[in-house]
């Protein structure tokens, strides 16, 4: 069952679910997303981040992309064209808030 209002975390509204599929990013445009955060827990799944970033850019979404997760590094984030890397969820929130301030 989905909540009637989007959940929030440390003052940021979250859109769920968190899976990324081709074409799904149009939903993020309609929702007015400003940031898309991607997380991978295994090296076998982190390789899909590059495809997700490519899809986001190809679809022309004007969003910041932040990546993180256990196997992800700042160097990998740069290689795949992400706008930022966060070591954990708490640092991701701080990075997103700074990015949103810069865009105002």
Foldseek 3Di string as FASTA:
>chain_A
DDDPAADDDPHHGDDDDQDDDQPCCVVCVVVVAAEREEEDADPVPVVCVLVRVVSCVVVPPNHAYEYEYDVDDQVVCVVSVHNYYDDDDVVVVVVVVVVVVVVD
